[in-house]
Amino acid sequence: MSTVNAFTPRGSTVLVTTSSVQVLTDDNVNAVSYRVRNILNTPAYLAWSAADPTGAAVTVGSTTAPSAGSPAYNVIGMFAESVEVFTLPPKVWLKASAANAFEVTPGEGL
């Protein structure tokens, strides 16, 4: 009998801080699901950018929260100490609004 999981990790968990970091799988599967855990006791914002097709490093844009008349592109807000699974591009680059804010695991599932 096989085990069915809502989320199957496909790589190592990465700490996301205020510098751009790429999240990769440990195998040849390009994950598009990412389990994100806000490890802070305050809300935080996570910005993302798609990988460069040439494999070059990517600088993720601003992690600024949206405001009236000023949308925040590719920015996700998360409640304090929350966990969510997001569908993002394979080999995504991430950056947090605060130091050591998120743990991110690439994988498959909800």
C-alpha atoms as a PDB file:
ATOM      1  CA  MET A   1       0.000   0.000   0.000  1.00  0.00           C
ATOM      2  CA  SER A   2       1.394   3.388  -0.943  1.00  0.00           C
ATOM      3  CA  THR A   3       1.283   6.518   1.134  1.00  0.00           C
ATOM      4  CA  VAL A   4      -0.397   9.598  -0.306  1.00  0.00           C
ATOM      5  CA  ASN A   5       0.774  12.935   1.045  1.00  0.00           C
ATOM      6  CA  ALA A   6      -0.764  16.356   0.535  1.00  0.00           C
ATOM      7  CA  PHE A   7       2.756  17.742   0.057  1.00  0.00           C
ATOM      8  CA  THR A   8       5.834  15.772  -0.980  1.00  0.00           C
ATOM      9  CA  PRO A   9       9.186  17.526  -0.426  1.00  0.00           C
ATOM     10  CA  ARG A  10      11.528  17.387  -3.434  1.00  0.00           C
ATOM     11  CA  GLY A  11      14.469  19.306  -1.974  1.00  0.00           C
ATOM     12  CA  SER A  12      16.134  20.792   1.061  1.00  0.00           C
ATOM     13  CA  THR A  13      14.493  23.463   3.171  1.00  0.00           C
ATOM     14  CA  VAL A  14      16.040  26.898   2.541  1.00  0.00           C
ATOM     15  CA  LEU A  15      16.170  29.854   4.945  1.00  0.00           C
ATOM     16  CA  VAL A  16      14.994  33.014   3.170  1.00  0.00           C
ATOM     17  CA  THR A  17      16.343  36.316   4.410  1.00  0.00           C
ATOM     18  CA  THR A  18      16.674  39.838   2.979  1.00  0.00           C
ATOM     19  CA  SER A  19      18.985  38.717   0.139  1.00  0.00           C
ATOM     20  CA  SER A  20      17.836  36.895  -2.995  1.00  0.00           C
ATOM     21  CA  VAL A  21      18.099  33.108  -2.722  1.00  0.00           C
ATOM     22  CA  GLN A  22      17.173  30.393  -5.221  1.00  0.00           C
ATOM     23  CA  VAL A  23      15.137  27.366  -4.121  1.00  0.00           C
ATOM     24  CA  LEU A  24      16.045  24.200  -6.025  1.00  0.00           C
ATOM     25  CA  THR A  25      15.007  20.558  -5.867  1.00  0.00           C
ATOM     26  CA  ASP A  26      17.441  17.761  -5.015  1.00  0.00           C
ATOM     27  CA  ASP A  27      16.412  15.814  -8.118  1.00  0.00           C
ATOM     28  CA  ASN A  28      15.625  16.643 -11.739  1.00  0.00           C
ATOM     29  CA  VAL A  29      11.972  17.434 -11.058  1.00  0.00           C
ATOM     30  CA  ASN A  30      11.192  21.138 -11.366  1.00  0.00           C
ATOM     31  CA  ALA A  31       8.945  21.749  -8.389  1.00  0.00           C
ATOM     32  CA  VAL A  32       6.313  24.446  -8.689  1.00  0.00           C
ATOM     33  CA  SER A  33       4.856  23.985  -5.205  1.00  0.00           C
ATOM     34  CA  TYR A  34       6.646  25.555  -2.283  1.00  0.00           C
ATOM     35  CA  ARG A  35       5.822  25.057   1.394  1.00  0.00           C
ATOM     36  CA  VAL A  36       6.508  28.395   3.076  1.00  0.00           C
ATOM     37  CA  ARG A  37       6.689  28.826   6.850  1.00  0.00           C
ATOM     38  CA  ASN A  38       6.863  32.287   8.407  1.00  0.00           C
ATOM     39  CA  ILE A  39       9.080  31.655  11.434  1.00  0.00           C
ATOM     40  CA  LEU A  40       8.658  35.173  12.819  1.00  0.00           C
ATOM     41  CA  ASN A  41       6.097  36.180  15.435  1.00  0.00           C
ATOM     42  CA  THR A  42       5.117  39.112  13.194  1.00  0.00           C
ATOM     43  CA  PRO A  43       3.646  39.290   9.678  1.00  0.00           C
ATOM     44  CA  ALA A  44       6.228  39.346   6.871  1.00  0.00           C
ATOM     45  CA  TYR A  45       6.324  39.713   3.093  1.00  0.00           C
ATOM     46  CA  LEU A  46       7.882  37.331   0.603  1.00  0.00           C
ATOM     47  CA  ALA A  47       8.894  38.574  -2.859  1.00  0.00           C
ATOM     48  CA  TRP A  48       9.601  36.214  -5.749  1.00  0.00           C
ATOM     49  CA  SER A  49      11.055  36.240  -9.235  1.00  0.00           C
ATOM     50  CA  ALA A  50      11.241  33.588 -11.939  1.00  0.00           C
ATOM     51  CA  ALA A  51      14.604  31.988 -12.708  1.00  0.00           C
ATOM     52  CA  ASP A  52      16.684  33.341 -15.574  1.00  0.00           C
ATOM     53  CA  PRO A  53      16.633  30.841 -18.495  1.00  0.00           C
ATOM     54  CA  THR A  54      20.430  31.102 -18.798  1.00  0.00           C
ATOM     55  CA  GLY A  55      20.887  30.097 -15.142  1.00  0.00           C
ATOM     56  CA  ALA A  56      22.241  33.517 -14.163  1.00  0.00           C
ATOM     57  CA  ALA A  57      21.572  34.865 -10.687  1.00  0.00           C
ATOM     58  CA  VAL A  58      18.403  36.938 -10.283  1.00  0.00           C
ATOM     59  CA  THR A  59      17.898  39.916  -7.997  1.00  0.00           C
ATOM     60  CA  VAL A  60      14.408  39.816  -6.517  1.00  0.00           C
ATOM     61  CA  GLY A  61      12.599  43.160  -6.402  1.00  0.00           C
ATOM     62  CA  SER A  62      11.093  45.027  -3.493  1.00  0.00           C
ATOM     63  CA  THR A  63       9.364  43.269  -0.594  1.00  0.00           C
ATOM     64  CA  THR A  64       7.281  46.359   0.144  1.00  0.00           C
ATOM     65  CA  ALA A  65       3.656  45.792   1.090  1.00  0.00           C
ATOM     66  CA  PRO A  66       1.024  47.093  -1.318  1.00  0.00           C
ATOM     67  CA  SER A  67      -0.817  50.306  -0.542  1.00  0.00           C
ATOM     68  CA  ALA A  68      -3.796  52.122  -2.038  1.00  0.00           C
ATOM     69  CA  GLY A  69      -3.009  52.876  -5.690  1.00  0.00           C
ATOM     70  CA  SER A  70       0.421  51.245  -5.446  1.00  0.00           C
ATOM     71  CA  PRO A  71       0.315  47.485  -6.072  1.00  0.00           C
ATOM     72  CA  ALA A  72       3.152  45.207  -5.033  1.00  0.00           C
ATOM     73  CA  TYR A  73       4.094  42.859  -7.866  1.00  0.00           C
ATOM     74  CA  ASN A  74       5.201  39.319  -7.008  1.00  0.00           C
ATOM     75  CA  VAL A  75       4.851  39.965  -3.263  1.00  0.00           C
ATOM     76  CA  ILE A  76       2.982  37.687  -0.854  1.00  0.00           C
ATOM     77  CA  GLY A  77       2.092  38.683   2.709  1.00  0.00           C
ATOM     78  CA  MET A  78       1.978  36.027   5.416  1.00  0.00           C
ATOM     79  CA  PHE A  79       0.609  36.051   8.931  1.00  0.00           C
ATOM     80  CA  ALA A  80       2.982  35.499  11.854  1.00  0.00           C
ATOM     81  CA  GLU A  81       3.988  31.858  12.433  1.00  0.00           C
ATOM     82  CA  SER A  82       1.876  30.638   9.497  1.00  0.00           C
ATOM     83  CA  VAL A  83       2.417  27.918   6.890  1.00  0.00           C
ATOM     84  CA  GLU A  84       1.141  28.007   3.294  1.00  0.00           C
ATOM     85  CA  VAL A  85       1.849  26.174   0.039  1.00  0.00           C
ATOM     86  CA  PHE A  86       2.190  28.371  -3.050  1.00  0.00           C
ATOM     87  CA  THR A  87       2.479  27.573  -6.748  1.00  0.00           C
ATOM     88  CA  LEU A  88       5.406  29.573  -8.142  1.00  0.00           C
ATOM     89  CA  PRO A  89       7.768  29.167 -11.120  1.00  0.00           C
ATOM     90  CA  PRO A  90      10.338  26.342 -11.045  1.00  0.00           C
ATOM     91  CA  LYS A  91      13.734  27.244  -9.554  1.00  0.00           C
ATOM     92  CA  VAL A  92      12.172  30.382  -8.080  1.00  0.00           C
ATOM     93  CA  TRP A  93      14.215  33.160  -6.467  1.00  0.00           C
ATOM     94  CA  LEU A  94      12.906  34.539  -3.145  1.00  0.00           C
ATOM     95  CA  LYS A  95      13.593  37.416  -0.765  1.00  0.00           C
ATOM     96  CA  ALA A  96      12.042  38.275   2.611  1.00  0.00           C
ATOM     97  CA  SER A  97      11.068  41.623   4.088  1.00  0.00           C
ATOM     98  CA  ALA A  98      12.844  40.716   7.344  1.00  0.00           C
ATOM     99  CA  ALA A  99      15.966  38.776   8.267  1.00  0.00           C
ATOM    100  CA  ASN A 100      15.540  35.013   8.641  1.00  0.00           C
ATOM    101  CA  ALA A 101      11.789  35.247   8.087  1.00  0.00           C
ATOM    102  CA  PHE A 102      10.902  32.141   6.074  1.00  0.00           C
ATOM    103  CA  GLU A 103      11.722  28.461   5.703  1.00  0.00           C
ATOM    104  CA  VAL A 104      10.875  27.251   2.167  1.00  0.00           C
ATOM    105  CA  THR A 105      10.738  23.668   0.941  1.00  0.00           C
ATOM    106  CA  PRO A 106      10.262  22.856  -2.769  1.00  0.00           C
ATOM    107  CA  GLY A 107       7.972  19.969  -3.617  1.00  0.00           C
ATOM    108  CA  GLU A 108       4.735  18.745  -5.102  1.00  0.00           C
ATOM    109  CA  GLY A 109       1.219  18.988  -3.759  1.00  0.00           C
ATOM    110  CA  LEU A 110      -1.055  21.268  -1.817  1.00  0.00           C
END
